[in-house]
């Protein structure tokens, strides 16, 4: 069902936002295991948050994690 997939994506992105708000680094592999999805799915969520929602998320190769912050502007 389409609704279930949308809810799951919102849940994943909400979790990622909490990590960003708390300044906690994360990687796609760990989140994929946690949410029982592929790393590609997590990367698509992150890409959506960056490109469409204005999150500042970057990958730090030296520590193999994503780091960033929530957007400064308010999102509807």
PDB file of N, CA and C in Angstrom:
ATOM      1  N   UNK A   1       0.829  -1.197   0.000  1.00  0.00           N
ATOM      2  CA  UNK A   1       0.000   0.000   0.000  1.00  0.00           C
ATOM      3  C   UNK A   1       0.870   1.256   0.000  1.00  0.00           C
ATOM      4  N   UNK A   2       0.476   2.192  -0.721  1.00  0.00           N
ATOM      5  CA  UNK A   2       1.216   3.452  -0.832  1.00  0.00           C
ATOM      6  C   UNK A   2       1.259   4.208   0.496  1.00  0.00           C
ATOM      7  N   UNK A   3       0.166   4.210   1.243  1.00  0.00           N
ATOM      8  CA  UNK A   3       0.097   4.934   2.509  1.00  0.00           C
ATOM      9  C   UNK A   3       1.137   4.413   3.488  1.00  0.00           C
ATOM     10  N   UNK A   4       1.297   3.096   3.572  1.00  0.00           N
ATOM     11  CA  UNK A   4       2.278   2.512   4.468  1.00  0.00           C
ATOM     12  C   UNK A   4       3.690   2.953   4.134  1.00  0.00           C
ATOM     13  N   UNK A   5       4.010   3.025   2.847  1.00  0.00           N
ATOM     14  CA  UNK A   5       5.340   3.463   2.445  1.00  0.00           C
ATOM     15  C   UNK A   5       5.549   4.924   2.802  1.00  0.00           C
ATOM     16  N   UNK A   6       4.562   5.732   2.642  1.00  0.00           N
ATOM     17  CA  UNK A   6       4.703   7.147   2.967  1.00  0.00           C
ATOM     18  C   UNK A   6       4.922   7.327   4.460  1.00  0.00           C
ATOM     19  N   UNK A   7       4.182   6.605   5.275  1.00  0.00           N
ATOM     20  CA  UNK A   7       4.338   6.704   6.719  1.00  0.00           C
ATOM     21  C   UNK A   7       5.722   6.244   7.149  1.00  0.00           C
ATOM     22  N   UNK A   8       6.206   5.185   6.531  1.00  0.00           N
ATOM     23  CA  UNK A   8       7.535   4.680   6.862  1.00  0.00           C
ATOM     24  C   UNK A   8       8.604   5.713   6.513  1.00  0.00           C
ATOM     25  N   UNK A   9       8.453   6.367   5.382  1.00  0.00           N
ATOM     26  CA  UNK A   9       9.425   7.380   4.982  1.00  0.00           C
ATOM     27  C   UNK A   9       9.391   8.557   5.950  1.00  0.00           C
ATOM     28  N   UNK A  10       8.220   8.971   6.366  1.00  0.00           N
ATOM     29  CA  UNK A  10       8.098  10.068   7.335  1.00  0.00           C
ATOM     30  C   UNK A  10       8.748   9.671   8.653  1.00  0.00           C
ATOM     31  N   UNK A  11       8.535   8.445   9.066  1.00  0.00           N
ATOM     32  CA  UNK A  11       9.140   7.969  10.313  1.00  0.00           C
ATOM     33  C   UNK A  11      10.665   7.999  10.218  1.00  0.00           C
ATOM     34  N   UNK A  12      11.216   7.534   9.097  1.00  0.00           N
ATOM     35  CA  UNK A  12      12.674   7.546   8.927  1.00  0.00           C
ATOM     36  C   UNK A  12      13.211   8.969   8.928  1.00  0.00           C
ATOM     37  N   UNK A  13      12.552   9.860   8.196  1.00  0.00           N
ATOM     38  CA  UNK A  13      13.043  11.237   8.127  1.00  0.00           C
ATOM     39  C   UNK A  13      12.895  11.956   9.461  1.00  0.00           C
ATOM     40  N   UNK A  14      11.873  11.649  10.210  1.00  0.00           N
ATOM     41  CA  UNK A  14      11.722  12.232  11.549  1.00  0.00           C
ATOM     42  C   UNK A  14      12.861  11.775  12.460  1.00  0.00           C
ATOM     43  N   UNK A  15      13.228  10.519  12.353  1.00  0.00           N
ATOM     44  CA  UNK A  15      14.333   9.983  13.140  1.00  0.00           C
ATOM     45  C   UNK A  15      15.645  10.671  12.756  1.00  0.00           C
ATOM     46  N   UNK A  16      15.867  10.833  11.454  1.00  0.00           N
ATOM     47  CA  UNK A  16      17.075  11.519  10.980  1.00  0.00           C
ATOM     48  C   UNK A  16      17.091  12.953  11.490  1.00  0.00           C
ATOM     49  N   UNK A  17      15.946  13.620  11.472  1.00  0.00           N
ATOM     50  CA  UNK A  17      15.888  14.995  11.979  1.00  0.00           C
ATOM     51  C   UNK A  17      16.272  15.055  13.457  1.00  0.00           C
ATOM     52  N   UNK A  18      15.798  14.095  14.252  1.00  0.00           N
ATOM     53  CA  UNK A  18      16.168  14.067  15.668  1.00  0.00           C
ATOM     54  C   UNK A  18      17.675  13.889  15.836  1.00  0.00           C
ATOM     55  N   UNK A  19      18.266  13.034  15.006  1.00  0.00           N
ATOM     56  CA  UNK A  19      19.718  12.871  15.065  1.00  0.00           C
ATOM     57  C   UNK A  19      20.420  14.188  14.746  1.00  0.00           C
ATOM     58  N   UNK A  20      19.953  14.880  13.718  1.00  0.00           N
ATOM     59  CA  UNK A  20      20.553  16.161  13.339  1.00  0.00           C
ATOM     60  C   UNK A  20      20.371  17.200  14.441  1.00  0.00           C
ATOM     61  N   UNK A  21      19.170  17.266  15.016  1.00  0.00           N
ATOM     62  CA  UNK A  21      18.894  18.228  16.089  1.00  0.00           C
ATOM     63  C   UNK A  21      19.802  18.005  17.295  1.00  0.00           C
ATOM     64  N   UNK A  22      20.141  16.736  17.547  1.00  0.00           N
ATOM     65  CA  UNK A  22      20.997  16.396  18.685  1.00  0.00           C
ATOM     66  C   UNK A  22      22.474  16.401  18.330  1.00  0.00           C
ATOM     67  N   UNK A  23      22.789  16.703  17.066  1.00  0.00           N
ATOM     68  CA  UNK A  23      24.182  16.750  16.640  1.00  0.00           C
ATOM     69  C   UNK A  23      24.849  15.385  16.596  1.00  0.00           C
ATOM     70  N   UNK A  24      24.045  14.338  16.437  1.00  0.00           N
ATOM     71  CA  UNK A  24      24.586  12.982  16.415  1.00  0.00           C
ATOM     72  C   UNK A  24      24.897  12.556  14.981  1.00  0.00           C
ATOM     73  N   UNK A  25      26.118  12.112  14.730  1.00  0.00           N
ATOM     74  CA  UNK A  25      26.444  11.605  13.397  1.00  0.00           C
ATOM     75  C   UNK A  25      25.751  10.263  13.166  1.00  0.00           C
ATOM     76  N   UNK A  26      25.532   9.905  11.920  1.00  0.00           N
ATOM     77  CA  UNK A  26      24.859   8.650  11.593  1.00  0.00           C
ATOM     78  C   UNK A  26      25.309   8.188  10.226  1.00  0.00           C
ATOM     79  N   UNK A  27      25.106   6.913   9.935  1.00  0.00           N
ATOM     80  CA  UNK A  27      25.397   6.438   8.585  1.00  0.00           C
ATOM     81  C   UNK A  27      24.221   5.628   8.054  1.00  0.00           C
ATOM     82  N   UNK A  28      24.187   5.511   6.754  1.00  0.00           N
ATOM     83  CA  UNK A  28      23.055   4.868   6.090  1.00  0.00           C
ATOM     84  C   UNK A  28      22.963   3.386   6.429  1.00  0.00           C
ATOM     85  N   UNK A  29      24.086   2.728   6.600  1.00  0.00           N
ATOM     86  CA  UNK A  29      24.070   1.293   6.892  1.00  0.00           C
ATOM     87  C   UNK A  29      23.378   0.992   8.207  1.00  0.00           C
ATOM     88  N   UNK A  30      23.703   1.733   9.233  1.00  0.00           N
ATOM     89  CA  UNK A  30      23.078   1.512  10.545  1.00  0.00           C
ATOM     90  C   UNK A  30      21.586   1.823  10.518  1.00  0.00           C
ATOM     91  N   UNK A  31      21.231   2.934   9.866  1.00  0.00           N
ATOM     92  CA  UNK A  31      19.811   3.273   9.781  1.00  0.00           C
ATOM     93  C   UNK A  31      19.048   2.241   8.953  1.00  0.00           C
ATOM     94  N   UNK A  32      19.691   1.720   7.920  1.00  0.00           N
ATOM     95  CA  UNK A  32      19.049   0.699   7.097  1.00  0.00           C
ATOM     96  C   UNK A  32      18.744  -0.545   7.933  1.00  0.00           C
ATOM     97  N   UNK A  33      19.676  -0.940   8.774  1.00  0.00           N
ATOM     98  CA  UNK A  33      19.434  -2.084   9.656  1.00  0.00           C
ATOM     99  C   UNK A  33      18.314  -1.783  10.644  1.00  0.00           C
ATOM    100  N   UNK A  34      18.338  -0.601  11.221  1.00  0.00           N
ATOM    101  CA  UNK A  34      17.332  -0.211  12.207  1.00  0.00           C
ATOM    102  C   UNK A  34      15.920  -0.234  11.613  1.00  0.00           C
ATOM    103  N   UNK A  35      15.782   0.312  10.409  1.00  0.00           N
ATOM    104  CA  UNK A  35      14.465   0.428   9.779  1.00  0.00           C
ATOM    105  C   UNK A  35      14.139  -0.724   8.819  1.00  0.00           C
ATOM    106  N   UNK A  36      15.071  -1.659   8.692  1.00  0.00           N
ATOM    107  CA  UNK A  36      14.871  -2.831   7.830  1.00  0.00           C
ATOM    108  C   UNK A  36      14.577  -2.440   6.385  1.00  0.00           C
ATOM    109  N   UNK A  37      15.406  -1.537   5.878  1.00  0.00           N
ATOM    110  CA  UNK A  37      15.344  -1.113   4.480  1.00  0.00           C
ATOM    111  C   UNK A  37      16.769  -1.152   3.934  1.00  0.00           C
ATOM    112  N   UNK A  38      16.931  -0.848   2.666  1.00  0.00           N
ATOM    113  CA  UNK A  38      18.271  -0.827   2.076  1.00  0.00           C
ATOM    114  C   UNK A  38      18.965   0.509   2.372  1.00  0.00           C
ATOM    115  N   UNK A  39      20.284   0.496   2.261  1.00  0.00           N
ATOM    116  CA  UNK A  39      21.060   1.739   2.398  1.00  0.00           C
ATOM    117  C   UNK A  39      20.654   2.745   1.327  1.00  0.00           C
ATOM    118  N   UNK A  40      20.312   2.239   0.142  1.00  0.00           N
ATOM    119  CA  UNK A  40      19.877   3.126  -0.941  1.00  0.00           C
ATOM    120  C   UNK A  40      18.614   3.884  -0.549  1.00  0.00           C
ATOM    121  N   UNK A  41      17.709   3.227   0.166  1.00  0.00           N
ATOM    122  CA  UNK A  41      16.481   3.889   0.620  1.00  0.00           C
ATOM    123  C   UNK A  41      16.825   5.017   1.579  1.00  0.00           C
ATOM    124  N   UNK A  42      17.722   4.771   2.514  1.00  0.00           N
ATOM    125  CA  UNK A  42      18.141   5.812   3.462  1.00  0.00           C
ATOM    126  C   UNK A  42      18.806   6.953   2.708  1.00  0.00           C
ATOM    127  N   UNK A  43      19.660   6.630   1.744  1.00  0.00           N
ATOM    128  CA  UNK A  43      20.324   7.680   0.965  1.00  0.00           C
ATOM    129  C   UNK A  43      19.319   8.512   0.178  1.00  0.00           C
ATOM    130  N   UNK A  44      18.264   7.877  -0.329  1.00  0.00           N
ATOM    131  CA  UNK A  44      17.205   8.640  -1.026  1.00  0.00           C
ATOM    132  C   UNK A  44      16.471   9.558  -0.052  1.00  0.00           C
ATOM    133  N   UNK A  45      16.217   9.078   1.171  1.00  0.00           N
ATOM    134  CA  UNK A  45      15.592   9.931   2.196  1.00  0.00           C
ATOM    135  C   UNK A  45      16.465  11.145   2.486  1.00  0.00           C
ATOM    136  N   UNK A  46      17.752  10.917   2.643  1.00  0.00           N
ATOM    137  CA  UNK A  46      18.688  12.006   2.940  1.00  0.00           C
ATOM    138  C   UNK A  46      18.746  12.988   1.774  1.00  0.00           C
ATOM    139  N   UNK A  47      18.786  12.457   0.561  1.00  0.00           N
ATOM    140  CA  UNK A  47      18.805  13.317  -0.626  1.00  0.00           C
ATOM    141  C   UNK A  47      17.543  14.183  -0.686  1.00  0.00           C
ATOM    142  N   UNK A  48      16.383  13.594  -0.401  1.00  0.00           N
ATOM    143  CA  UNK A  48      15.133  14.342  -0.381  1.00  0.00           C
ATOM    144  C   UNK A  48      15.183  15.441   0.677  1.00  0.00           C
ATOM    145  N   UNK A  49      15.677  15.111   1.860  1.00  0.00           N
ATOM    146  CA  UNK A  49      15.758  16.098   2.941  1.00  0.00           C
ATOM    147  C   UNK A  49      16.674  17.244   2.556  1.00  0.00           C
ATOM    148  N   UNK A  50      17.769  16.939   1.865  1.00  0.00           N
ATOM    149  CA  UNK A  50      18.712  17.965   1.414  1.00  0.00           C
ATOM    150  C   UNK A  50      18.109  18.838   0.317  1.00  0.00           C
ATOM    151  N   UNK A  51      17.657  18.167  -0.735  1.00  0.00           N
ATOM    152  CA  UNK A  51      17.244  18.884  -1.941  1.00  0.00           C
ATOM    153  C   UNK A  51      15.887  19.561  -1.833  1.00  0.00           C
ATOM    154  N   UNK A  52      14.945  18.940  -1.167  1.00  0.00           N
ATOM    155  CA  UNK A  52      13.588  19.462  -1.134  1.00  0.00           C
ATOM    156  C   UNK A  52      13.226  20.174   0.162  1.00  0.00           C
ATOM    157  N   UNK A  53      13.873  19.771   1.273  1.00  0.00           N
ATOM    158  CA  UNK A  53      13.510  20.344   2.569  1.00  0.00           C
ATOM    159  C   UNK A  53      14.553  21.299   3.124  1.00  0.00           C
ATOM    160  N   UNK A  54      15.695  21.412   2.473  1.00  0.00           N
ATOM    161  CA  UNK A  54      16.693  22.397   2.868  1.00  0.00           C
ATOM    162  C   UNK A  54      17.607  21.993   4.011  1.00  0.00           C
ATOM    163  N   UNK A  55      17.689  20.720   4.317  1.00  0.00           N
ATOM    164  CA  UNK A  55      18.602  20.275   5.372  1.00  0.00           C
ATOM    165  C   UNK A  55      20.038  20.368   4.885  1.00  0.00           C
ATOM    166  N   UNK A  56      20.929  20.689   5.805  1.00  0.00           N
ATOM    167  CA  UNK A  56      22.349  20.742   5.485  1.00  0.00           C
ATOM    168  C   UNK A  56      22.978  19.455   5.999  1.00  0.00           C
ATOM    169  N   UNK A  57      23.043  18.470   5.122  1.00  0.00           N
ATOM    170  CA  UNK A  57      23.566  17.161   5.491  1.00  0.00           C
ATOM    171  C   UNK A  57      24.727  16.846   4.563  1.00  0.00           C
ATOM    172  N   UNK A  58      25.870  16.529   5.151  1.00  0.00           N
ATOM    173  CA  UNK A  58      27.048  16.184   4.364  1.00  0.00           C
ATOM    174  C   UNK A  58      27.637  14.887   4.879  1.00  0.00           C
ATOM    175  N   UNK A  59      28.334  14.191   4.010  1.00  0.00           N
ATOM    176  CA  UNK A  59      28.981  12.943   4.390  1.00  0.00           C
ATOM    177  C   UNK A  59      30.435  13.226   4.731  1.00  0.00           C
ATOM    178  N   UNK A  60      30.875  12.788   5.888  1.00  0.00           N
ATOM    179  CA  UNK A  60      32.263  12.950   6.315  1.00  0.00           C
ATOM    180  C   UNK A  60      32.966  11.615   6.116  1.00  0.00           C
ATOM    181  N   UNK A  61      33.771  11.520   5.069  1.00  0.00           N
ATOM    182  CA  UNK A  61      34.449  10.268   4.738  1.00  0.00           C
ATOM    183  C   UNK A  61      35.450   9.847   5.814  1.00  0.00           C
ATOM    184  N   UNK A  62      36.007  10.803   6.538  1.00  0.00           N
ATOM    185  CA  UNK A  62      37.017  10.454   7.538  1.00  0.00           C
ATOM    186  C   UNK A  62      36.431   9.668   8.712  1.00  0.00           C
ATOM    187  N   UNK A  63      35.142   9.865   9.007  1.00  0.00           N
ATOM    188  CA  UNK A  63      34.511   9.130  10.110  1.00  0.00           C
ATOM    189  C   UNK A  63      33.344   8.263   9.635  1.00  0.00           C
ATOM    190  N   UNK A  64      33.160   8.182   8.299  1.00  0.00           N
ATOM    191  CA  UNK A  64      32.143   7.322   7.688  1.00  0.00           C
ATOM    192  C   UNK A  64      30.735   7.595   8.221  1.00  0.00           C
ATOM    193  N   UNK A  65      30.382   8.867   8.349  1.00  0.00           N
ATOM    194  CA  UNK A  65      29.053   9.227   8.845  1.00  0.00           C
ATOM    195  C   UNK A  65      28.535  10.480   8.152  1.00  0.00           C
ATOM    196  N   UNK A  66      27.225  10.659   8.250  1.00  0.00           N
ATOM    197  CA  UNK A  66      26.601  11.906   7.830  1.00  0.00           C
ATOM    198  C   UNK A  66      26.588  12.847   9.025  1.00  0.00           C
ATOM    199  N   UNK A  67      26.767  14.112   8.762  1.00  0.00           N
ATOM    200  CA  UNK A  67      26.661  15.151   9.779  1.00  0.00           C
ATOM    201  C   UNK A  67      25.903  16.307   9.157  1.00  0.00           C
ATOM    202  N   UNK A  68      25.298  17.141   9.981  1.00  0.00           N
ATOM    203  CA  UNK A  68      24.582  18.272   9.423  1.00  0.00           C
ATOM    204  C   UNK A  68      23.684  18.934  10.423  1.00  0.00           C
ATOM    205  N   UNK A  69      22.747  19.703   9.880  1.00  0.00           N
ATOM    206  CA  UNK A  69      21.812  20.423  10.734  1.00  0.00           C
ATOM    207  C   UNK A  69      20.482  20.582  10.008  1.00  0.00           C
ATOM    208  N   UNK A  70      19.460  20.834  10.799  1.00  0.00           N
ATOM    209  CA  UNK A  70      18.137  21.106  10.246  1.00  0.00           C
ATOM    210  C   UNK A  70      18.164  22.474   9.585  1.00  0.00           C
ATOM    211  N   UNK A  71      17.255  22.732   8.660  1.00  0.00           N
ATOM    212  CA  UNK A  71      17.232  24.039   7.991  1.00  0.00           C
ATOM    213  C   UNK A  71      16.925  25.158   8.960  1.00  0.00           C
ATOM    214  N   UNK A  72      17.462  26.324   8.657  1.00  0.00           N
ATOM    215  CA  UNK A  72      17.232  27.498   9.498  1.00  0.00           C
ATOM    216  C   UNK A  72      15.843  28.070   9.295  1.00  0.00           C
ATOM    217  N   UNK A  73      15.270  27.847   8.119  1.00  0.00           N
ATOM    218  CA  UNK A  73      13.931  28.357   7.823  1.00  0.00           C
ATOM    219  C   UNK A  73      12.893  27.328   8.240  1.00  0.00           C
ATOM    220  N   UNK A  74      11.723  27.817   8.519  1.00  0.00           N
ATOM    221  CA  UNK A  74      10.638  26.932   8.951  1.00  0.00           C
ATOM    222  C   UNK A  74      10.012  26.251   7.737  1.00  0.00           C
ATOM    223  N   UNK A  75       9.763  24.971   7.875  1.00  0.00           N
ATOM    224  CA  UNK A  75       9.138  24.193   6.815  1.00  0.00           C
ATOM    225  C   UNK A  75       7.686  23.949   7.196  1.00  0.00           C
ATOM    226  N   UNK A  76       6.789  24.089   6.233  1.00  0.00           N
ATOM    227  CA  UNK A  76       5.368  23.843   6.494  1.00  0.00           C
ATOM    228  C   UNK A  76       5.101  22.403   6.798  1.00  0.00           C
TER     229      UNK A  76
END
